Amino acid sequence: MGFQKGHKKTGGIQKGQVHRKTRVELACEAAGVDPFKVMALIAADDSHPDRMIAAKELAKYLEPQKKATEITGKDGEDITMRVIVEDYSK
């Protein structure tokens, strides 16, 4: 049962409603606060106890995050490794 034309919208965000992220951005702009500047100031302050937390949070926006990758053999098969141990002590 897919979309049927003529049905009234049910659930979800209503037309014209401001998204939560947009509301936060507008509130910060109205208050004259830039969260990134605040975090950068905290990260730069050697005496602040939350310095490392602020630096860690800022790093998320400055560098791309690493993603897990799966490595498989040809056509999705398992990878086989052969280890040869030779005794060179003779």
PDB file of N, CA and C in Angstrom:
ATOM      1  N   MET A   1       0.852  -1.175   0.000  1.00  0.00           N
ATOM      2  CA  MET A   1       0.000   0.000   0.000  1.00  0.00           C
ATOM      3  C   MET A   1       0.896   1.235   0.000  1.00  0.00           C
ATOM      4  N   GLY A   2       1.114   1.797  -1.147  1.00  0.00           N
ATOM      5  CA  GLY A   2       1.953   2.973  -1.293  1.00  0.00           C
ATOM      6  C   GLY A   2       1.156   4.255  -1.125  1.00  0.00           C
ATOM      7  N   PHE A   3       1.725   5.302  -1.656  1.00  0.00           N
ATOM      8  CA  PHE A   3       1.071   6.613  -1.582  1.00  0.00           C
ATOM      9  C   PHE A   3      -0.160   6.636  -2.473  1.00  0.00           C
ATOM     10  N   GLN A   4      -1.241   7.151  -1.892  1.00  0.00           N
ATOM     11  CA  GLN A   4      -2.452   7.299  -2.682  1.00  0.00           C
ATOM     12  C   GLN A   4      -2.792   8.779  -2.753  1.00  0.00           C
ATOM     13  N   LYS A   5      -2.950   9.260  -3.956  1.00  0.00           N
ATOM     14  CA  LYS A   5      -3.230  10.674  -4.193  1.00  0.00           C
ATOM     15  C   LYS A   5      -4.535  11.089  -3.516  1.00  0.00           C
ATOM     16  N   GLY A   6      -4.506  12.273  -2.908  1.00  0.00           N
ATOM     17  CA  GLY A   6      -5.704  12.795  -2.274  1.00  0.00           C
ATOM     18  C   GLY A   6      -5.757  12.560  -0.780  1.00  0.00           C
ATOM     19  N   HIS A   7      -4.828  11.757  -0.248  1.00  0.00           N
ATOM     20  CA  HIS A   7      -4.807  11.513   1.194  1.00  0.00           C
ATOM     21  C   HIS A   7      -4.136  12.655   1.918  1.00  0.00           C
ATOM     22  N   LYS A   8      -4.633  12.922   3.102  1.00  0.00           N
ATOM     23  CA  LYS A   8      -4.100  13.974   3.948  1.00  0.00           C
ATOM     24  C   LYS A   8      -2.782  13.508   4.577  1.00  0.00           C
ATOM     25  N   LYS A   9      -1.837  14.444   4.759  1.00  0.00           N
ATOM     26  CA  LYS A   9      -0.534  14.116   5.341  1.00  0.00           C
ATOM     27  C   LYS A   9      -0.713  13.709   6.803  1.00  0.00           C
ATOM     28  N   THR A  10      -0.070  12.608   7.172  1.00  0.00           N
ATOM     29  CA  THR A  10      -0.112  12.167   8.566  1.00  0.00           C
ATOM     30  C   THR A  10       1.307  11.953   9.054  1.00  0.00           C
ATOM     31  N   GLY A  11       1.604  12.437  10.239  1.00  0.00           N
ATOM     32  CA  GLY A  11       2.921  12.245  10.845  1.00  0.00           C
ATOM     33  C   GLY A  11       4.001  13.101  10.193  1.00  0.00           C
ATOM     34  N   GLY A  12       5.188  13.042  10.770  1.00  0.00           N
ATOM     35  CA  GLY A  12       6.320  13.776  10.225  1.00  0.00           C
ATOM     36  C   GLY A  12       6.255  15.262  10.527  1.00  0.00           C
ATOM     37  N   ILE A  13       7.177  15.999   9.956  1.00  0.00           N
ATOM     38  CA  ILE A  13       7.246  17.442  10.179  1.00  0.00           C
ATOM     39  C   ILE A  13       6.189  18.130   9.311  1.00  0.00           C
ATOM     40  N   GLN A  14       5.495  19.072   9.884  1.00  0.00           N
ATOM     41  CA  GLN A  14       4.438  19.765   9.166  1.00  0.00           C
ATOM     42  C   GLN A  14       5.030  20.827   8.242  1.00  0.00           C
ATOM     43  N   LYS A  15       4.343  21.119   7.176  1.00  0.00           N
ATOM     44  CA  LYS A  15       4.802  22.099   6.199  1.00  0.00           C
ATOM     45  C   LYS A  15       4.966  23.471   6.869  1.00  0.00           C
ATOM     46  N   GLY A  16       6.133  24.088   6.644  1.00  0.00           N
ATOM     47  CA  GLY A  16       6.407  25.403   7.204  1.00  0.00           C
ATOM     48  C   GLY A  16       7.049  25.372   8.582  1.00  0.00           C
ATOM     49  N   GLN A  17       7.123  24.205   9.210  1.00  0.00           N
ATOM     50  CA  GLN A  17       7.723  24.084  10.532  1.00  0.00           C
ATOM     51  C   GLN A  17       9.250  24.119  10.397  1.00  0.00           C
ATOM     52  N   VAL A  18       9.910  24.863  11.294  1.00  0.00           N
ATOM     53  CA  VAL A  18      11.359  25.008  11.245  1.00  0.00           C
ATOM     54  C   VAL A  18      12.020  23.802  11.894  1.00  0.00           C
ATOM     55  N   HIS A  19      13.015  23.250  11.220  1.00  0.00           N
ATOM     56  CA  HIS A  19      13.754  22.089  11.707  1.00  0.00           C
ATOM     57  C   HIS A  19      14.515  22.465  12.982  1.00  0.00           C
ATOM     58  N   ARG A  20      14.734  21.481  13.863  1.00  0.00           N
ATOM     59  CA  ARG A  20      15.404  21.724  15.142  1.00  0.00           C
ATOM     60  C   ARG A  20      16.793  22.335  14.947  1.00  0.00           C
ATOM     61  N   LYS A  21      17.558  21.822  13.986  1.00  0.00           N
ATOM     62  CA  LYS A  21      18.904  22.349  13.734  1.00  0.00           C
ATOM     63  C   LYS A  21      18.828  23.825  13.333  1.00  0.00           C
ATOM     64  N   THR A  22      17.859  24.171  12.511  1.00  0.00           N
ATOM     65  CA  THR A  22      17.683  25.559  12.079  1.00  0.00           C
ATOM     66  C   THR A  22      17.300  26.435  13.260  1.00  0.00           C
ATOM     67  N   ARG A  23      16.455  25.919  14.166  1.00  0.00           N
ATOM     68  CA  ARG A  23      16.066  26.694  15.352  1.00  0.00           C
ATOM     69  C   ARG A  23      17.273  26.985  16.224  1.00  0.00           C
ATOM     70  N   VAL A  24      18.154  26.013  16.395  1.00  0.00           N
ATOM     71  CA  VAL A  24      19.357  26.204  17.211  1.00  0.00           C
ATOM     72  C   VAL A  24      20.264  27.234  16.553  1.00  0.00           C
ATOM     73  N   GLU A  25      20.447  27.126  15.238  1.00  0.00           N
ATOM     74  CA  GLU A  25      21.278  28.091  14.517  1.00  0.00           C
ATOM     75  C   GLU A  25      20.722  29.505  14.649  1.00  0.00           C
ATOM     76  N   LEU A  26      19.417  29.655  14.527  1.00  0.00           N
ATOM     77  CA  LEU A  26      18.794  30.976  14.653  1.00  0.00           C
ATOM     78  C   LEU A  26      18.940  31.531  16.065  1.00  0.00           C
ATOM     79  N   ALA A  27      18.810  30.666  17.078  1.00  0.00           N
ATOM     80  CA  ALA A  27      18.948  31.100  18.467  1.00  0.00           C
ATOM     81  C   ALA A  27      20.379  31.548  18.754  1.00  0.00           C
ATOM     82  N   CYS A  28      21.362  30.813  18.240  1.00  0.00           N
ATOM     83  CA  CYS A  28      22.768  31.201  18.435  1.00  0.00           C
ATOM     84  C   CYS A  28      23.065  32.517  17.740  1.00  0.00           C
ATOM     85  N   GLU A  29      22.518  32.682  16.551  1.00  0.00           N
ATOM     86  CA  GLU A  29      22.731  33.918  15.800  1.00  0.00           C
ATOM     87  C   GLU A  29      22.095  35.102  16.519  1.00  0.00           C
ATOM     88  N   ALA A  30      20.897  34.919  17.057  1.00  0.00           N
ATOM     89  CA  ALA A  30      20.201  35.996  17.764  1.00  0.00           C
ATOM     90  C   ALA A  30      20.938  36.388  19.037  1.00  0.00           C
ATOM     91  N   ALA A  31      21.569  35.405  19.699  1.00  0.00           N
ATOM     92  CA  ALA A  31      22.291  35.687  20.939  1.00  0.00           C
ATOM     93  C   ALA A  31      23.719  36.166  20.663  1.00  0.00           C
ATOM     94  N   GLY A  32      24.143  36.090  19.410  1.00  0.00           N
ATOM     95  CA  GLY A  32      25.493  36.514  19.064  1.00  0.00           C
ATOM     96  C   GLY A  32      26.557  35.536  19.533  1.00  0.00           C
ATOM     97  N   VAL A  33      26.203  34.257  19.596  1.00  0.00           N
ATOM     98  CA  VAL A  33      27.120  33.224  20.079  1.00  0.00           C
ATOM     99  C   VAL A  33      27.505  32.309  18.918  1.00  0.00           C
ATOM    100  N   ASP A  34      28.801  32.061  18.774  1.00  0.00           N
ATOM    101  CA  ASP A  34      29.289  31.100  17.789  1.00  0.00           C
ATOM    102  C   ASP A  34      29.857  29.914  18.560  1.00  0.00           C
ATOM    103  N   PRO A  35      29.162  28.760  18.559  1.00  0.00           N
ATOM    104  CA  PRO A  35      29.604  27.615  19.353  1.00  0.00           C
ATOM    105  C   PRO A  35      31.021  27.142  19.006  1.00  0.00           C
ATOM    106  N   PHE A  36      31.412  27.270  17.745  1.00  0.00           N
ATOM    107  CA  PHE A  36      32.748  26.843  17.350  1.00  0.00           C
ATOM    108  C   PHE A  36      33.819  27.752  17.950  1.00  0.00           C
ATOM    109  N   LYS A  37      33.529  29.042  18.005  1.00  0.00           N
ATOM    110  CA  LYS A  37      34.487  29.973  18.627  1.00  0.00           C
ATOM    111  C   LYS A  37      34.614  29.698  20.122  1.00  0.00           C
ATOM    112  N   VAL A  38      33.491  29.404  20.768  1.00  0.00           N
ATOM    113  CA  VAL A  38      33.517  29.101  22.200  1.00  0.00           C
ATOM    114  C   VAL A  38      34.343  27.845  22.454  1.00  0.00           C
ATOM    115  N   MET A  39      34.108  26.788  21.654  1.00  0.00           N
ATOM    116  CA  MET A  39      34.878  25.556  21.828  1.00  0.00           C
ATOM    117  C   MET A  39      36.357  25.789  21.545  1.00  0.00           C
ATOM    118  N   ALA A  40      36.657  26.613  20.529  1.00  0.00           N
ATOM    119  CA  ALA A  40      38.061  26.903  20.203  1.00  0.00           C
ATOM    120  C   ALA A  40      38.732  27.663  21.341  1.00  0.00           C
ATOM    121  N   LEU A  41      38.018  28.583  21.962  1.00  0.00           N
ATOM    122  CA  LEU A  41      38.582  29.324  23.099  1.00  0.00           C
ATOM    123  C   LEU A  41      38.851  28.391  24.279  1.00  0.00           C
ATOM    124  N   ILE A  42      37.935  27.476  24.527  1.00  0.00           N
ATOM    125  CA  ILE A  42      38.123  26.510  25.617  1.00  0.00           C
ATOM    126  C   ILE A  42      39.312  25.599  25.308  1.00  0.00           C
ATOM    127  N   ALA A  43      39.410  25.130  24.056  1.00  0.00           N
ATOM    128  CA  ALA A  43      40.506  24.242  23.668  1.00  0.00           C
ATOM    129  C   ALA A  43      41.856  24.947  23.753  1.00  0.00           C
ATOM    130  N   ALA A  44      41.875  26.270  23.541  1.00  0.00           N
ATOM    131  CA  ALA A  44      43.131  27.025  23.567  1.00  0.00           C
ATOM    132  C   ALA A  44      43.557  27.410  24.984  1.00  0.00           C
ATOM    133  N   ASP A  45      42.629  27.341  25.943  1.00  0.00           N
ATOM    134  CA  ASP A  45      42.928  27.732  27.329  1.00  0.00           C
ATOM    135  C   ASP A  45      43.593  26.567  28.071  1.00  0.00           C
ATOM    136  N   ASP A  46      44.883  26.722  28.399  1.00  0.00           N
ATOM    137  CA  ASP A  46      45.636  25.643  29.059  1.00  0.00           C
ATOM    138  C   ASP A  46      45.090  25.279  30.433  1.00  0.00           C
ATOM    139  N   SER A  47      44.436  26.199  31.098  1.00  0.00           N
ATOM    140  CA  SER A  47      43.979  25.946  32.461  1.00  0.00           C
ATOM    141  C   SER A  47      42.550  25.399  32.541  1.00  0.00           C
ATOM    142  N   HIS A  48      41.842  25.334  31.412  1.00  0.00           N
ATOM    143  CA  HIS A  48      40.447  24.890  31.428  1.00  0.00           C
ATOM    144  C   HIS A  48      40.386  23.363  31.563  1.00  0.00           C
ATOM    145  N   PRO A  49      39.562  22.850  32.487  1.00  0.00           N
ATOM    146  CA  PRO A  49      39.503  21.396  32.709  1.00  0.00           C
ATOM    147  C   PRO A  49      38.907  20.611  31.531  1.00  0.00           C
ATOM    148  N   ASP A  50      38.085  21.241  30.728  1.00  0.00           N
ATOM    149  CA  ASP A  50      37.438  20.552  29.597  1.00  0.00           C
ATOM    150  C   ASP A  50      38.152  20.829  28.278  1.00  0.00           C
ATOM    151  N   ARG A  51      39.401  21.176  28.346  1.00  0.00           N
ATOM    152  CA  ARG A  51      40.167  21.538  27.159  1.00  0.00           C
ATOM    153  C   ARG A  51      40.220  20.400  26.136  1.00  0.00           C
ATOM    154  N   MET A  52      40.528  19.195  26.595  1.00  0.00           N
ATOM    155  CA  MET A  52      40.647  18.061  25.673  1.00  0.00           C
ATOM    156  C   MET A  52      39.297  17.666  25.069  1.00  0.00           C
ATOM    157  N   ILE A  53      38.236  17.780  25.839  1.00  0.00           N
ATOM    158  CA  ILE A  53      36.900  17.456  25.330  1.00  0.00           C
ATOM    159  C   ILE A  53      36.523  18.417  24.201  1.00  0.00           C
ATOM    160  N   ALA A  54      36.806  19.704  24.410  1.00  0.00           N
ATOM    161  CA  ALA A  54      36.498  20.702  23.385  1.00  0.00           C
ATOM    162  C   ALA A  54      37.335  20.463  22.133  1.00  0.00           C
ATOM    163  N   ALA A  55      38.614  20.136  22.304  1.00  0.00           N
ATOM    164  CA  ALA A  55      39.480  19.874  21.155  1.00  0.00           C
ATOM    165  C   ALA A  55      39.001  18.649  20.384  1.00  0.00           C
ATOM    166  N   LYS A  56      38.566  17.621  21.113  1.00  0.00           N
ATOM    167  CA  LYS A  56      38.067  16.398  20.473  1.00  0.00           C
ATOM    168  C   LYS A  56      36.800  16.685  19.662  1.00  0.00           C
ATOM    169  N   GLU A  57      35.915  17.489  20.217  1.00  0.00           N
ATOM    170  CA  GLU A  57      34.684  17.832  19.510  1.00  0.00           C
ATOM    171  C   GLU A  57      34.963  18.681  18.272  1.00  0.00           C
ATOM    172  N   LEU A  58      35.890  19.616  18.384  1.00  0.00           N
ATOM    173  CA  LEU A  58      36.236  20.452  17.234  1.00  0.00           C
ATOM    174  C   LEU A  58      36.869  19.623  16.125  1.00  0.00           C
ATOM    175  N   ALA A  59      37.662  18.627  16.496  1.00  0.00           N
ATOM    176  CA  ALA A  59      38.351  17.801  15.508  1.00  0.00           C
ATOM    177  C   ALA A  59      37.363  17.078  14.592  1.00  0.00           C
ATOM    178  N   LYS A  60      36.181  16.766  15.085  1.00  0.00           N
ATOM    179  CA  LYS A  60      35.165  16.094  14.274  1.00  0.00           C
ATOM    180  C   LYS A  60      34.783  16.920  13.055  1.00  0.00           C
ATOM    181  N   TYR A  61      34.852  18.240  13.189  1.00  0.00           N
ATOM    182  CA  TYR A  61      34.440  19.119  12.103  1.00  0.00           C
ATOM    183  C   TYR A  61      35.612  19.540  11.224  1.00  0.00           C
ATOM    184  N   LEU A  62      36.827  19.327  11.703  1.00  0.00           N
ATOM    185  CA  LEU A  62      38.001  19.752  10.950  1.00  0.00           C
ATOM    186  C   LEU A  62      38.599  18.637  10.102  1.00  0.00           C
ATOM    187  N   GLU A  63      38.477  17.402  10.542  1.00  0.00           N
ATOM    188  CA  GLU A  63      39.040  16.256   9.833  1.00  0.00           C
ATOM    189  C   GLU A  63      37.940  15.236   9.560  1.00  0.00           C
ATOM    190  N   PRO A  64      37.978  14.583   8.407  1.00  0.00           N
ATOM    191  CA  PRO A  64      36.978  13.541   8.153  1.00  0.00           C
ATOM    192  C   PRO A  64      37.187  12.360   9.085  1.00  0.00           C
ATOM    193  N   GLN A  65      36.091  11.740   9.492  1.00  0.00           N
ATOM    194  CA  GLN A  65      36.187  10.605  10.400  1.00  0.00           C
ATOM    195  C   GLN A  65      36.498   9.341   9.614  1.00  0.00           C
ATOM    196  N   LYS A  66      37.269   8.468  10.218  1.00  0.00           N
ATOM    197  CA  LYS A  66      37.626   7.190   9.595  1.00  0.00           C
ATOM    198  C   LYS A  66      36.428   6.252   9.664  1.00  0.00           C
ATOM    199  N   LYS A  67      36.259   5.477   8.627  1.00  0.00           N
ATOM    200  CA  LYS A  67      35.174   4.511   8.599  1.00  0.00           C
ATOM    201  C   LYS A  67      35.756   3.112   8.483  1.00  0.00           C
ATOM    202  N   ALA A  68      35.082   2.162   9.066  1.00  0.00           N
ATOM    203  CA  ALA A  68      35.527   0.774   9.001  1.00  0.00           C
ATOM    204  C   ALA A  68      35.329   0.257   7.581  1.00  0.00           C
ATOM    205  N   THR A  69      36.310  -0.478   7.089  1.00  0.00           N
ATOM    206  CA  THR A  69      36.189  -1.079   5.767  1.00  0.00           C
ATOM    207  C   THR A  69      36.397  -2.578   5.883  1.00  0.00           C
ATOM    208  N   GLU A  70      35.667  -3.307   5.107  1.00  0.00           N
ATOM    209  CA  GLU A  70      35.778  -4.757   5.116  1.00  0.00           C
ATOM    210  C   GLU A  70      36.632  -5.170   3.930  1.00  0.00           C
ATOM    211  N   ILE A  71      37.608  -6.015   4.182  1.00  0.00           N
ATOM    212  CA  ILE A  71      38.494  -6.475   3.124  1.00  0.00           C
ATOM    213  C   ILE A  71      38.163  -7.937   2.828  1.00  0.00           C
ATOM    214  N   THR A  72      37.896  -8.215   1.561  1.00  0.00           N
ATOM    215  CA  THR A  72      37.600  -9.589   1.158  1.00  0.00           C
ATOM    216  C   THR A  72      38.464  -9.949  -0.039  1.00  0.00           C
ATOM    217  N   GLY A  73      38.508 -11.215  -0.335  1.00  0.00           N
ATOM    218  CA  GLY A  73      39.249 -11.701  -1.492  1.00  0.00           C
ATOM    219  C   GLY A  73      38.432 -11.536  -2.755  1.00  0.00           C
ATOM    220  N   LYS A  74      38.891 -12.201  -3.796  1.00  0.00           N
ATOM    221  CA  LYS A  74      38.218 -12.133  -5.085  1.00  0.00           C
ATOM    222  C   LYS A  74      36.774 -12.658  -4.970  1.00  0.00           C
ATOM    223  N   ASP A  75      35.833 -11.919  -5.497  1.00  0.00           N
ATOM    224  CA  ASP A  75      34.408 -12.272  -5.492  1.00  0.00           C
ATOM    225  C   ASP A  75      33.854 -12.487  -4.085  1.00  0.00           C
ATOM    226  N   GLY A  76      34.374 -11.745  -3.093  1.00  0.00           N
ATOM    227  CA  GLY A  76      33.861 -11.820  -1.738  1.00  0.00           C
ATOM    228  C   GLY A  76      34.334 -13.012  -0.943  1.00  0.00           C
ATOM    229  N   GLU A  77      35.268 -13.767  -1.489  1.00  0.00           N
ATOM    230  CA  GLU A  77      35.779 -14.939  -0.777  1.00  0.00           C
ATOM    231  C   GLU A  77      36.707 -14.502   0.357  1.00  0.00           C
ATOM    232  N   ASP A  78      37.008 -15.449   1.238  1.00  0.00           N
ATOM    233  CA  ASP A  78      37.937 -15.175   2.333  1.00  0.00           C
ATOM    234  C   ASP A  78      39.344 -14.969   1.784  1.00  0.00           C
ATOM    235  N   ILE A  79      40.121 -14.193   2.512  1.00  0.00           N
ATOM    236  CA  ILE A  79      41.515 -13.979   2.142  1.00  0.00           C
ATOM    237  C   ILE A  79      42.347 -15.063   2.813  1.00  0.00           C
ATOM    238  N   THR A  80      43.198 -15.693   2.031  1.00  0.00           N
ATOM    239  CA  THR A  80      44.074 -16.722   2.603  1.00  0.00           C
ATOM    240  C   THR A  80      45.497 -16.172   2.643  1.00  0.00           C
ATOM    241  N   MET A  81      46.168 -16.458   3.731  1.00  0.00           N
ATOM    242  CA  MET A  81      47.557 -16.030   3.891  1.00  0.00           C
ATOM    243  C   MET A  81      48.412 -17.255   4.164  1.00  0.00           C
ATOM    244  N   ARG A  82      49.592 -17.258   3.587  1.00  0.00           N
ATOM    245  CA  ARG A  82      50.518 -18.348   3.807  1.00  0.00           C
ATOM    246  C   ARG A  82      51.766 -17.759   4.467  1.00  0.00           C
ATOM    247  N   VAL A  83      52.115 -18.291   5.618  1.00  0.00           N
ATOM    248  CA  VAL A  83      53.274 -17.821   6.358  1.00  0.00           C
ATOM    249  C   VAL A  83      54.333 -18.907   6.319  1.00  0.00           C
ATOM    250  N   ILE A  84      55.512 -18.530   5.857  1.00  0.00           N
ATOM    251  CA  ILE A  84      56.624 -19.475   5.790  1.00  0.00           C
ATOM    252  C   ILE A  84      57.652 -19.040   6.819  1.00  0.00           C
ATOM    253  N   VAL A  85      57.957 -19.949   7.729  1.00  0.00           N
ATOM    254  CA  VAL A  85      58.947 -19.655   8.776  1.00  0.00           C
ATOM    255  C   VAL A  85      60.172 -20.505   8.473  1.00  0.00           C
ATOM    256  N   GLU A  86      61.297 -19.836   8.299  1.00  0.00           N
ATOM    257  CA  GLU A  86      62.535 -20.550   8.022  1.00  0.00           C
ATOM    258  C   GLU A  86      63.515 -20.289   9.158  1.00  0.00           C
ATOM    259  N   ASP A  87      64.281 -21.293   9.460  1.00  0.00           N
ATOM    260  CA  ASP A  87      65.264 -21.196  10.524  1.00  0.00           C
ATOM    261  C   ASP A  87      66.609 -20.803   9.923  1.00  0.00           C
ATOM    262  N   TYR A  88      67.044 -19.563  10.166  1.00  0.00           N
ATOM    263  CA  TYR A  88      68.319 -19.066   9.632  1.00  0.00           C
ATOM    264  C   TYR A  88      69.434 -19.105  10.690  1.00  0.00           C
ATOM    265  N   SER A  89      69.180 -19.735  11.797  1.00  0.00           N
ATOM    266  CA  SER A  89      70.171 -19.744  12.872  1.00  0.00           C
ATOM    267  C   SER A  89      71.291 -20.762  12.630  1.00  0.00           C
ATOM    268  N   LYS A  90      71.218 -21.595  11.608  1.00  0.00           N
ATOM    269  CA  LYS A  90      72.230 -22.631  11.340  1.00  0.00           C
ATOM    270  C   LYS A  90      73.522 -22.060  10.844  1.00  0.00           C
TER     271      LYS A  90
END
